[in-house]
Protein backbone atom coordinates (compact mmCIF):
# COMPACT_ATOMS: atom_id res chain seq x y z
CA UNK A 1 0.00 0.00 0.00
CA UNK A 2 2.91 2.32 0.66
CA UNK A 3 4.51 1.96 -2.74
CA UNK A 4 1.52 1.59 -5.07
CA UNK A 5 -1.25 3.25 -3.10
CA UNK A 6 -4.37 2.29 -1.23
CA UNK A 7 -6.54 1.65 -4.28
CA UNK A 8 -4.01 -0.74 -5.79
CA UNK A 9 -3.59 -2.64 -2.51
CA UNK A 10 -7.35 -3.04 -2.06
CA UNK A 11 -7.78 -4.14 -5.68
CA UNK A 12 -4.92 -6.60 -5.38
CA UNK A 13 -6.45 -8.12 -2.24
CA UNK A 14 -9.81 -8.58 -3.96
CA UNK A 15 -8.17 -10.02 -7.08
CA UNK A 16 -6.14 -12.57 -5.14
CA UNK A 17 -9.02 -13.74 -2.94
CA UNK A 18 -11.59 -13.89 -5.73
CA UNK A 19 -9.24 -15.52 -8.23
CA UNK A 20 -8.67 -18.34 -5.74
CA UNK A 21 -12.38 -19.12 -5.88
CA UNK A 22 -12.58 -18.68 -9.65
CA UNK A 23 -9.72 -21.12 -10.16
CA UNK A 24 -11.77 -23.82 -8.43
CA UNK A 25 -14.28 -23.76 -11.27
CA UNK A 26 -11.48 -24.14 -13.81
CA UNK A 27 -10.18 -27.18 -11.94
CA UNK A 28 -13.64 -28.70 -11.58
CA UNK A 29 -14.43 -28.22 -15.26
CA UNK A 30 -11.09 -29.51 -16.52
CA UNK A 31 -11.08 -32.63 -14.34
CA UNK A 32 -14.83 -33.32 -14.24
CA UNK A 33 -14.59 -33.67 -10.45
CA UNK A 34 -17.05 -31.80 -8.27
CA UNK A 35 -14.89 -32.22 -5.17
CA UNK A 36 -12.74 -29.30 -6.33
CA UNK A 37 -15.50 -26.86 -5.43
CA UNK A 38 -15.49 -27.91 -1.77
CA UNK A 39 -13.46 -24.80 -0.78
CA UNK A 40 -16.47 -22.69 -1.80
CA UNK A 41 -17.77 -23.50 1.68
CA UNK A 42 -15.24 -20.95 2.96
CA UNK A 43 -16.84 -18.14 0.95
CA UNK A 44 -18.99 -16.90 3.88
CA UNK A 45 -15.77 -16.43 5.85
CA UNK A 46 -14.26 -14.47 2.95
CA UNK A 47 -17.10 -11.99 2.59
CA UNK A 48 -16.45 -9.93 5.78
CA UNK A 49 -12.76 -9.80 4.88
CA UNK A 50 -13.49 -8.59 1.36
CA UNK A 51 -15.96 -5.98 2.62
CA UNK A 52 -13.54 -4.58 5.15
CA UNK A 53 -10.34 -4.71 3.12
CA UNK A 54 -11.21 -4.58 -0.57
CA UNK A 55 -14.35 -2.48 -0.50
CA UNK A 56 -12.84 0.13 1.78
CA UNK A 57 -14.94 -0.53 4.84
CA UNK A 58 -12.02 0.08 7.20
CA UNK A 59 -8.74 1.97 7.21
CA UNK A 60 -5.48 2.01 9.11
CA UNK A 61 -5.31 0.24 12.45
CA UNK A 62 -8.88 -1.04 12.05
CA UNK A 63 -7.55 -3.38 9.34
CA UNK A 64 -5.24 -5.18 11.79
CA UNK A 65 -7.98 -7.57 12.92
CA UNK A 66 -8.44 -8.62 9.30
CA UNK A 67 -4.85 -9.82 9.05
CA UNK A 68 -5.84 -12.68 11.36
CA UNK A 69 -9.16 -13.04 9.57
CA UNK A 70 -7.37 -13.48 6.26
CA UNK A 71 -5.07 -16.08 7.82
CA UNK A 72 -8.10 -18.02 9.12
CA UNK A 73 -9.69 -17.79 5.69
CA UNK A 74 -6.54 -19.12 4.02
CA UNK A 75 -6.31 -22.00 6.49
CA UNK A 76 -9.96 -22.97 5.99
CA UNK A 77 -9.68 -22.67 2.20
CA UNK A 78 -6.55 -24.83 2.13
CA UNK A 79 -8.01 -27.51 4.41
CA UNK A 80 -11.12 -27.75 2.26
CA UNK A 81 -8.98 -27.84 -0.89
CA UNK A 82 -6.91 -30.71 0.51
CA UNK A 83 -10.11 -32.55 1.42
CA UNK A 84 -11.42 -31.98 -2.10
CA UNK A 85 -8.19 -33.26 -3.63
CA UNK A 86 -8.34 -36.38 -1.47
CA UNK A 87 -11.97 -37.00 -2.39
CA UNK A 88 -11.29 -36.54 -6.10
CA UNK A 89 -8.42 -39.01 -6.16
CA UNK A 90 -10.35 -41.84 -4.52
PDB file of N, CA and C in Angstrom:
ATOM      1  N   UNK A   1       0.820  -1.187   0.000  1.00  0.00           N
ATOM      2  CA  UNK A   1       0.000   0.000   0.000  1.00  0.00           C
ATOM      3  C   UNK A   1       0.865   1.251   0.000  1.00  0.00           C
ATOM      4  N   UNK A   2       2.038   1.153   0.581  1.00  0.00           N
ATOM      5  CA  UNK A   2       2.909   2.323   0.662  1.00  0.00           C
ATOM      6  C   UNK A   2       3.453   2.672  -0.715  1.00  0.00           C
ATOM      7  N   UNK A   3       3.875   1.693  -1.459  1.00  0.00           N
ATOM      8  CA  UNK A   3       4.514   1.955  -2.742  1.00  0.00           C
ATOM      9  C   UNK A   3       3.510   2.249  -3.857  1.00  0.00           C
ATOM     10  N   UNK A   4       2.442   1.466  -3.934  1.00  0.00           N
ATOM     11  CA  UNK A   4       1.517   1.589  -5.068  1.00  0.00           C
ATOM     12  C   UNK A   4       0.204   2.290  -4.729  1.00  0.00           C
ATOM     13  N   UNK A   5      -0.050   2.522  -3.478  1.00  0.00           N
ATOM     14  CA  UNK A   5      -1.249   3.249  -3.097  1.00  0.00           C
ATOM     15  C   UNK A   5      -2.359   2.352  -2.565  1.00  0.00           C
ATOM     16  N   UNK A   6      -3.274   2.987  -1.889  1.00  0.00           N
ATOM     17  CA  UNK A   6      -4.372   2.288  -1.226  1.00  0.00           C
ATOM     18  C   UNK A   6      -5.293   1.577  -2.225  1.00  0.00           C
ATOM     19  N   UNK A   7      -5.623   2.241  -3.301  1.00  0.00           N
ATOM     20  CA  UNK A   7      -6.538   1.647  -4.285  1.00  0.00           C
ATOM     21  C   UNK A   7      -5.949   0.391  -4.895  1.00  0.00           C
ATOM     22  N   UNK A   8      -4.668   0.436  -5.227  1.00  0.00           N
ATOM     23  CA  UNK A   8      -4.008  -0.741  -5.789  1.00  0.00           C
ATOM     24  C   UNK A   8      -3.993  -1.879  -4.779  1.00  0.00           C
ATOM     25  N   UNK A   9      -3.674  -1.594  -3.533  1.00  0.00           N
ATOM     26  CA  UNK A   9      -3.592  -2.635  -2.510  1.00  0.00           C
ATOM     27  C   UNK A   9      -4.954  -3.288  -2.281  1.00  0.00           C
ATOM     28  N   UNK A  10      -6.008  -2.485  -2.246  1.00  0.00           N
ATOM     29  CA  UNK A  10      -7.354  -3.037  -2.060  1.00  0.00           C
ATOM     30  C   UNK A  10      -7.778  -3.864  -3.276  1.00  0.00           C
ATOM     31  N   UNK A  11      -7.449  -3.396  -4.453  1.00  0.00           N
ATOM     32  CA  UNK A  11      -7.782  -4.142  -5.675  1.00  0.00           C
ATOM     33  C   UNK A  11      -7.006  -5.448  -5.751  1.00  0.00           C
ATOM     34  N   UNK A  12      -5.747  -5.400  -5.371  1.00  0.00           N
ATOM     35  CA  UNK A  12      -4.921  -6.600  -5.380  1.00  0.00           C
ATOM     36  C   UNK A  12      -5.471  -7.643  -4.405  1.00  0.00           C
ATOM     37  N   UNK A  13      -5.876  -7.210  -3.228  1.00  0.00           N
ATOM     38  CA  UNK A  13      -6.451  -8.123  -2.241  1.00  0.00           C
ATOM     39  C   UNK A  13      -7.691  -8.808  -2.811  1.00  0.00           C
ATOM     40  N   UNK A  14      -8.584  -8.017  -3.390  1.00  0.00           N
ATOM     41  CA  UNK A  14      -9.809  -8.576  -3.965  1.00  0.00           C
ATOM     42  C   UNK A  14      -9.482  -9.538  -5.106  1.00  0.00           C
ATOM     43  N   UNK A  15      -8.558  -9.176  -5.955  1.00  0.00           N
ATOM     44  CA  UNK A  15      -8.174 -10.024  -7.077  1.00  0.00           C
ATOM     45  C   UNK A  15      -7.625 -11.361  -6.598  1.00  0.00           C
ATOM     46  N   UNK A  16      -6.753 -11.334  -5.616  1.00  0.00           N
ATOM     47  CA  UNK A  16      -6.136 -12.565  -5.136  1.00  0.00           C
ATOM     48  C   UNK A  16      -7.150 -13.482  -4.449  1.00  0.00           C
ATOM     49  N   UNK A  17      -8.018 -12.918  -3.634  1.00  0.00           N
ATOM     50  CA  UNK A  17      -9.020 -13.736  -2.938  1.00  0.00           C
ATOM     51  C   UNK A  17     -10.026 -14.298  -3.939  1.00  0.00           C
ATOM     52  N   UNK A  18     -10.556 -13.445  -4.786  1.00  0.00           N
ATOM     53  CA  UNK A  18     -11.592 -13.892  -5.727  1.00  0.00           C
ATOM     54  C   UNK A  18     -11.048 -14.832  -6.803  1.00  0.00           C
ATOM     55  N   UNK A  19      -9.810 -14.625  -7.223  1.00  0.00           N
ATOM     56  CA  UNK A  19      -9.245 -15.523  -8.232  1.00  0.00           C
ATOM     57  C   UNK A  19      -9.016 -16.915  -7.660  1.00  0.00           C
ATOM     58  N   UNK A  20      -8.792 -17.025  -6.370  1.00  0.00           N
ATOM     59  CA  UNK A  20      -8.671 -18.340  -5.736  1.00  0.00           C
ATOM     60  C   UNK A  20      -9.958 -19.127  -5.901  1.00  0.00           C
ATOM     61  N   UNK A  21     -11.078 -18.458  -5.719  1.00  0.00           N
ATOM     62  CA  UNK A  21     -12.376 -19.117  -5.878  1.00  0.00           C
ATOM     63  C   UNK A  21     -12.684 -19.385  -7.350  1.00  0.00           C
ATOM     64  N   UNK A  22     -12.325 -18.484  -8.222  1.00  0.00           N
ATOM     65  CA  UNK A  22     -12.577 -18.679  -9.651  1.00  0.00           C
ATOM     66  C   UNK A  22     -11.777 -19.856 -10.194  1.00  0.00           C
ATOM     67  N   UNK A  23     -10.568 -20.032  -9.708  1.00  0.00           N
ATOM     68  CA  UNK A  23      -9.721 -21.118 -10.164  1.00  0.00           C
ATOM     69  C   UNK A  23     -10.329 -22.483  -9.845  1.00  0.00           C
ATOM     70  N   UNK A  24     -11.120 -22.553  -8.789  1.00  0.00           N
ATOM     71  CA  UNK A  24     -11.772 -23.817  -8.429  1.00  0.00           C
ATOM     72  C   UNK A  24     -12.690 -24.304  -9.544  1.00  0.00           C
ATOM     73  N   UNK A  25     -13.383 -23.377 -10.190  1.00  0.00           N
ATOM     74  CA  UNK A  25     -14.281 -23.762 -11.274  1.00  0.00           C
ATOM     75  C   UNK A  25     -13.498 -24.270 -12.484  1.00  0.00           C
ATOM     76  N   UNK A  26     -12.335 -23.678 -12.725  1.00  0.00           N
ATOM     77  CA  UNK A  26     -11.482 -24.141 -13.812  1.00  0.00           C
ATOM     78  C   UNK A  26     -11.021 -25.575 -13.532  1.00  0.00           C
ATOM     79  N   UNK A  27     -10.606 -25.836 -12.304  1.00  0.00           N
ATOM     80  CA  UNK A  27     -10.176 -27.180 -11.944  1.00  0.00           C
ATOM     81  C   UNK A  27     -11.323 -28.181 -12.041  1.00  0.00           C
ATOM     82  N   UNK A  28     -12.492 -27.798 -11.548  1.00  0.00           N
ATOM     83  CA  UNK A  28     -13.640 -28.699 -11.579  1.00  0.00           C
ATOM     84  C   UNK A  28     -14.045 -29.017 -13.010  1.00  0.00           C
ATOM     85  N   UNK A  29     -14.019 -28.016 -13.868  1.00  0.00           N
ATOM     86  CA  UNK A  29     -14.430 -28.222 -15.262  1.00  0.00           C
ATOM     87  C   UNK A  29     -13.395 -29.037 -16.031  1.00  0.00           C
ATOM     88  N   UNK A  30     -12.134 -28.809 -15.763  1.00  0.00           N
ATOM     89  CA  UNK A  30     -11.094 -29.507 -16.520  1.00  0.00           C
ATOM     90  C   UNK A  30     -10.914 -30.958 -16.075  1.00  0.00           C
ATOM     91  N   UNK A  31     -11.265 -31.267 -14.830  1.00  0.00           N
ATOM     92  CA  UNK A  31     -11.077 -32.634 -14.337  1.00  0.00           C
ATOM     93  C   UNK A  31     -12.389 -33.391 -14.195  1.00  0.00           C
ATOM     94  N   UNK A  32     -13.492 -32.719 -14.389  1.00  0.00           N
ATOM     95  CA  UNK A  32     -14.829 -33.319 -14.238  1.00  0.00           C
ATOM     96  C   UNK A  32     -15.039 -33.885 -12.838  1.00  0.00           C
ATOM     97  N   UNK A  33     -14.443 -33.267 -11.849  1.00  0.00           N
ATOM     98  CA  UNK A  33     -14.592 -33.669 -10.455  1.00  0.00           C
ATOM     99  C   UNK A  33     -15.246 -32.536  -9.680  1.00  0.00           C
ATOM    100  N   UNK A  34     -16.351 -32.817  -9.041  1.00  0.00           N
ATOM    101  CA  UNK A  34     -17.049 -31.796  -8.265  1.00  0.00           C
ATOM    102  C   UNK A  34     -16.394 -31.515  -6.919  1.00  0.00           C
ATOM    103  N   UNK A  35     -15.528 -32.397  -6.464  1.00  0.00           N
ATOM    104  CA  UNK A  35     -14.891 -32.222  -5.167  1.00  0.00           C
ATOM    105  C   UNK A  35     -14.006 -30.980  -5.125  1.00  0.00           C
ATOM    106  N   UNK A  36     -13.579 -30.499  -6.290  1.00  0.00           N
ATOM    107  CA  UNK A  36     -12.737 -29.298  -6.333  1.00  0.00           C
ATOM    108  C   UNK A  36     -13.459 -28.069  -5.809  1.00  0.00           C
ATOM    109  N   UNK A  37     -14.776 -28.055  -5.858  1.00  0.00           N
ATOM    110  CA  UNK A  37     -15.504 -26.860  -5.432  1.00  0.00           C
ATOM    111  C   UNK A  37     -15.805 -26.864  -3.934  1.00  0.00           C
ATOM    112  N   UNK A  38     -15.305 -27.850  -3.218  1.00  0.00           N
ATOM    113  CA  UNK A  38     -15.487 -27.912  -1.773  1.00  0.00           C
ATOM    114  C   UNK A  38     -15.002 -26.643  -1.055  1.00  0.00           C
ATOM    115  N   UNK A  39     -13.894 -26.029  -1.451  1.00  0.00           N
ATOM    116  CA  UNK A  39     -13.463 -24.799  -0.777  1.00  0.00           C
ATOM    117  C   UNK A  39     -14.451 -23.633  -0.884  1.00  0.00           C
ATOM    118  N   UNK A  40     -15.450 -23.742  -1.740  1.00  0.00           N
ATOM    119  CA  UNK A  40     -16.471 -22.688  -1.798  1.00  0.00           C
ATOM    120  C   UNK A  40     -17.216 -22.550  -0.474  1.00  0.00           C
ATOM    121  N   UNK A  41     -17.141 -23.582   0.360  1.00  0.00           N
ATOM    122  CA  UNK A  41     -17.767 -23.503   1.683  1.00  0.00           C
ATOM    123  C   UNK A  41     -17.107 -22.431   2.550  1.00  0.00           C
ATOM    124  N   UNK A  42     -15.913 -22.001   2.196  1.00  0.00           N
ATOM    125  CA  UNK A  42     -15.237 -20.946   2.956  1.00  0.00           C
ATOM    126  C   UNK A  42     -15.632 -19.546   2.497  1.00  0.00           C
ATOM    127  N   UNK A  43     -16.450 -19.449   1.480  1.00  0.00           N
ATOM    128  CA  UNK A  43     -16.835 -18.135   0.953  1.00  0.00           C
ATOM    129  C   UNK A  43     -17.539 -17.244   1.988  1.00  0.00           C
ATOM    130  N   UNK A  44     -18.411 -17.778   2.857  1.00  0.00           N
ATOM    131  CA  UNK A  44     -18.991 -16.900   3.883  1.00  0.00           C
ATOM    132  C   UNK A  44     -17.961 -16.298   4.839  1.00  0.00           C
ATOM    133  N   UNK A  45     -16.849 -16.967   5.020  1.00  0.00           N
ATOM    134  CA  UNK A  45     -15.773 -16.426   5.852  1.00  0.00           C
ATOM    135  C   UNK A  45     -15.030 -15.327   5.093  1.00  0.00           C
ATOM    136  N   UNK A  46     -14.975 -15.446   3.773  1.00  0.00           N
ATOM    137  CA  UNK A  46     -14.259 -14.470   2.954  1.00  0.00           C
ATOM    138  C   UNK A  46     -15.008 -13.153   2.818  1.00  0.00           C
ATOM    139  N   UNK A  47     -16.315 -13.196   2.850  1.00  0.00           N
ATOM    140  CA  UNK A  47     -17.096 -11.986   2.586  1.00  0.00           C
ATOM    141  C   UNK A  47     -16.805 -10.835   3.562  1.00  0.00           C
ATOM    142  N   UNK A  48     -16.781 -11.060   4.888  1.00  0.00           N
ATOM    143  CA  UNK A  48     -16.446  -9.933   5.781  1.00  0.00           C
ATOM    144  C   UNK A  48     -15.048  -9.381   5.535  1.00  0.00           C
ATOM    145  N   UNK A  49     -14.115 -10.258   5.167  1.00  0.00           N
ATOM    146  CA  UNK A  49     -12.756  -9.795   4.882  1.00  0.00           C
ATOM    147  C   UNK A  49     -12.743  -8.924   3.633  1.00  0.00           C
ATOM    148  N   UNK A  50     -13.433  -9.368   2.603  1.00  0.00           N
ATOM    149  CA  UNK A  50     -13.494  -8.585   1.363  1.00  0.00           C
ATOM    150  C   UNK A  50     -14.178  -7.252   1.584  1.00  0.00           C
ATOM    151  N   UNK A  51     -15.254  -7.247   2.354  1.00  0.00           N
ATOM    152  CA  UNK A  51     -15.962  -5.981   2.618  1.00  0.00           C
ATOM    153  C   UNK A  51     -15.077  -4.994   3.350  1.00  0.00           C
ATOM    154  N   UNK A  52     -14.360  -5.482   4.346  1.00  0.00           N
ATOM    155  CA  UNK A  52     -13.537  -4.582   5.155  1.00  0.00           C
ATOM    156  C   UNK A  52     -12.286  -4.122   4.424  1.00  0.00           C
ATOM    157  N   UNK A  53     -11.634  -5.034   3.735  1.00  0.00           N
ATOM    158  CA  UNK A  53     -10.345  -4.708   3.123  1.00  0.00           C
ATOM    159  C   UNK A  53     -10.514  -4.175   1.705  1.00  0.00           C
ATOM    160  N   UNK A  54     -11.163  -4.936   0.848  1.00  0.00           N
ATOM    161  CA  UNK A  54     -11.207  -4.583  -0.575  1.00  0.00           C
ATOM    162  C   UNK A  54     -12.210  -3.487  -0.888  1.00  0.00           C
ATOM    163  N   UNK A  55     -13.321  -3.473  -0.193  1.00  0.00           N
ATOM    164  CA  UNK A  55     -14.351  -2.479  -0.499  1.00  0.00           C
ATOM    165  C   UNK A  55     -14.203  -1.202   0.313  1.00  0.00           C
ATOM    166  N   UNK A  56     -13.138  -1.103   1.072  1.00  0.00           N
ATOM    167  CA  UNK A  56     -12.840   0.132   1.777  1.00  0.00           C
ATOM    168  C   UNK A  56     -13.657   0.376   3.023  1.00  0.00           C
ATOM    169  N   UNK A  57     -14.135  -0.684   3.637  1.00  0.00           N
ATOM    170  CA  UNK A  57     -14.938  -0.530   4.844  1.00  0.00           C
ATOM    171  C   UNK A  57     -14.148  -0.010   6.023  1.00  0.00           C
ATOM    172  N   UNK A  58     -12.855  -0.321   6.070  1.00  0.00           N
ATOM    173  CA  UNK A  58     -12.016   0.083   7.202  1.00  0.00           C
ATOM    174  C   UNK A  58     -10.687   0.614   6.691  1.00  0.00           C
ATOM    175  N   UNK A  59     -10.035   1.396   7.541  1.00  0.00           N
ATOM    176  CA  UNK A  59      -8.735   1.969   7.206  1.00  0.00           C
ATOM    177  C   UNK A  59      -7.777   1.825   8.375  1.00  0.00           C
ATOM    178  N   UNK A  60      -6.516   1.928   8.091  1.00  0.00           N
ATOM    179  CA  UNK A  60      -5.485   2.008   9.108  1.00  0.00           C
ATOM    180  C   UNK A  60      -5.469   0.865  10.100  1.00  0.00           C
ATOM    181  N   UNK A  61      -5.420   1.228  11.379  1.00  0.00           N
ATOM    182  CA  UNK A  61      -5.308   0.244  12.452  1.00  0.00           C
ATOM    183  C   UNK A  61      -6.530  -0.657  12.532  1.00  0.00           C
ATOM    184  N   UNK A  62      -7.667  -0.214  12.034  1.00  0.00           N
ATOM    185  CA  UNK A  62      -8.877  -1.040  12.053  1.00  0.00           C
ATOM    186  C   UNK A  62      -8.731  -2.262  11.157  1.00  0.00           C
ATOM    187  N   UNK A  63      -7.788  -2.245  10.228  1.00  0.00           N
ATOM    188  CA  UNK A  63      -7.546  -3.384   9.343  1.00  0.00           C
ATOM    189  C   UNK A  63      -6.725  -4.488  10.009  1.00  0.00           C
ATOM    190  N   UNK A  64      -6.108  -4.196  11.149  1.00  0.00           N
ATOM    191  CA  UNK A  64      -5.244  -5.180  11.794  1.00  0.00           C
ATOM    192  C   UNK A  64      -5.979  -6.461  12.150  1.00  0.00           C
ATOM    193  N   UNK A  65      -7.226  -6.368  12.576  1.00  0.00           N
ATOM    194  CA  UNK A  65      -7.984  -7.573  12.916  1.00  0.00           C
ATOM    195  C   UNK A  65      -8.221  -8.453  11.687  1.00  0.00           C
ATOM    196  N   UNK A  66      -8.184  -7.865  10.520  1.00  0.00           N
ATOM    197  CA  UNK A  66      -8.435  -8.615   9.296  1.00  0.00           C
ATOM    198  C   UNK A  66      -7.193  -9.340   8.781  1.00  0.00           C
ATOM    199  N   UNK A  67      -6.052  -9.046   9.357  1.00  0.00           N
ATOM    200  CA  UNK A  67      -4.851  -9.825   9.049  1.00  0.00           C
ATOM    201  C   UNK A  67      -5.057 -11.248   9.562  1.00  0.00           C
ATOM    202  N   UNK A  68      -5.521 -11.362  10.797  1.00  0.00           N
ATOM    203  CA  UNK A  68      -5.835 -12.676  11.356  1.00  0.00           C
ATOM    204  C   UNK A  68      -7.009 -13.325  10.656  1.00  0.00           C
ATOM    205  N   UNK A  69      -7.997 -12.525  10.278  1.00  0.00           N
ATOM    206  CA  UNK A  69      -9.156 -13.045   9.566  1.00  0.00           C
ATOM    207  C   UNK A  69      -8.768 -13.626   8.220  1.00  0.00           C
ATOM    208  N   UNK A  70      -7.844 -12.973   7.542  1.00  0.00           N
ATOM    209  CA  UNK A  70      -7.365 -13.476   6.260  1.00  0.00           C
ATOM    210  C   UNK A  70      -6.565 -14.763   6.448  1.00  0.00           C
ATOM    211  N   UNK A  71      -5.813 -14.848   7.530  1.00  0.00           N
ATOM    212  CA  UNK A  71      -5.066 -16.078   7.821  1.00  0.00           C
ATOM    213  C   UNK A  71      -6.026 -17.232   8.099  1.00  0.00           C
ATOM    214  N   UNK A  72      -7.089 -16.977   8.858  1.00  0.00           N
ATOM    215  CA  UNK A  72      -8.097 -18.018   9.117  1.00  0.00           C
ATOM    216  C   UNK A  72      -8.782 -18.442   7.824  1.00  0.00           C
ATOM    217  N   UNK A  73      -9.077 -17.480   6.983  1.00  0.00           N
ATOM    218  CA  UNK A  73      -9.691 -17.789   5.686  1.00  0.00           C
ATOM    219  C   UNK A  73      -8.768 -18.668   4.858  1.00  0.00           C
ATOM    220  N   UNK A  74      -7.498 -18.333   4.792  1.00  0.00           N
ATOM    221  CA  UNK A  74      -6.542 -19.116   4.017  1.00  0.00           C
ATOM    222  C   UNK A  74      -6.428 -20.531   4.567  1.00  0.00           C
ATOM    223  N   UNK A  75      -6.400 -20.677   5.890  1.00  0.00           N
ATOM    224  CA  UNK A  75      -6.314 -22.000   6.494  1.00  0.00           C
ATOM    225  C   UNK A  75      -7.543 -22.835   6.149  1.00  0.00           C
ATOM    226  N   UNK A  76      -8.730 -22.249   6.299  1.00  0.00           N
ATOM    227  CA  UNK A  76      -9.961 -22.969   5.989  1.00  0.00           C
ATOM    228  C   UNK A  76     -10.024 -23.351   4.511  1.00  0.00           C
ATOM    229  N   UNK A  77      -9.692 -22.408   3.634  1.00  0.00           N
ATOM    230  CA  UNK A  77      -9.685 -22.666   2.195  1.00  0.00           C
ATOM    231  C   UNK A  77      -8.745 -23.826   1.867  1.00  0.00           C
ATOM    232  N   UNK A  78      -7.540 -23.799   2.427  1.00  0.00           N
ATOM    233  CA  UNK A  78      -6.550 -24.835   2.129  1.00  0.00           C
ATOM    234  C   UNK A  78      -6.975 -26.195   2.667  1.00  0.00           C
ATOM    235  N   UNK A  79      -7.543 -26.241   3.867  1.00  0.00           N
ATOM    236  CA  UNK A  79      -8.012 -27.511   4.414  1.00  0.00           C
ATOM    237  C   UNK A  79      -9.127 -28.103   3.556  1.00  0.00           C
ATOM    238  N   UNK A  80     -10.042 -27.273   3.118  1.00  0.00           N
ATOM    239  CA  UNK A  80     -11.115 -27.745   2.259  1.00  0.00           C
ATOM    240  C   UNK A  80     -10.593 -28.169   0.890  1.00  0.00           C
ATOM    241  N   UNK A  81      -9.592 -27.472   0.392  1.00  0.00           N
ATOM    242  CA  UNK A  81      -8.983 -27.844  -0.888  1.00  0.00           C
ATOM    243  C   UNK A  81      -8.291 -29.198  -0.780  1.00  0.00           C
ATOM    244  N   UNK A  82      -7.564 -29.422   0.305  1.00  0.00           N
ATOM    245  CA  UNK A  82      -6.909 -30.708   0.511  1.00  0.00           C
ATOM    246  C   UNK A  82      -7.939 -31.821   0.626  1.00  0.00           C
ATOM    247  N   UNK A  83      -9.026 -31.565   1.319  1.00  0.00           N
ATOM    248  CA  UNK A  83     -10.106 -32.552   1.417  1.00  0.00           C
ATOM    249  C   UNK A  83     -10.696 -32.827   0.043  1.00  0.00           C
ATOM    250  N   UNK A  84     -10.902 -31.804  -0.744  1.00  0.00           N
ATOM    251  CA  UNK A  84     -11.425 -31.979  -2.105  1.00  0.00           C
ATOM    252  C   UNK A  84     -10.480 -32.766  -2.985  1.00  0.00           C
ATOM    253  N   UNK A  85      -9.190 -32.507  -2.858  1.00  0.00           N
ATOM    254  CA  UNK A  85      -8.192 -33.259  -3.627  1.00  0.00           C
ATOM    255  C   UNK A  85      -8.235 -34.731  -3.233  1.00  0.00           C
ATOM    256  N   UNK A  86      -8.282 -34.990  -1.932  1.00  0.00           N
ATOM    257  CA  UNK A  86      -8.337 -36.384  -1.475  1.00  0.00           C
ATOM    258  C   UNK A  86      -9.605 -37.083  -1.946  1.00  0.00           C
ATOM    259  N   UNK A  87     -10.705 -36.384  -1.929  1.00  0.00           N
ATOM    260  CA  UNK A  87     -11.965 -37.001  -2.394  1.00  0.00           C
ATOM    261  C   UNK A  87     -11.956 -37.250  -3.896  1.00  0.00           C
ATOM    262  N   UNK A  88     -11.295 -36.379  -4.636  1.00  0.00           N
ATOM    263  CA  UNK A  88     -11.288 -36.538  -6.096  1.00  0.00           C
ATOM    264  C   UNK A  88     -10.340 -37.620  -6.568  1.00  0.00           C
ATOM    265  N   UNK A  89      -9.371 -37.991  -5.748  1.00  0.00           N
ATOM    266  CA  UNK A  89      -8.424 -39.013  -6.163  1.00  0.00           C
ATOM    267  C   UNK A  89      -8.826 -40.408  -5.728  1.00  0.00           C
ATOM    268  N   UNK A  90      -9.897 -40.518  -4.976  1.00  0.00           N
ATOM    269  CA  UNK A  90     -10.347 -41.843  -4.524  1.00  0.00           C
ATOM    270  C   UNK A  90     -11.252 -42.492  -5.513  1.00  0.00           C
TER     271      UNK A  90
END
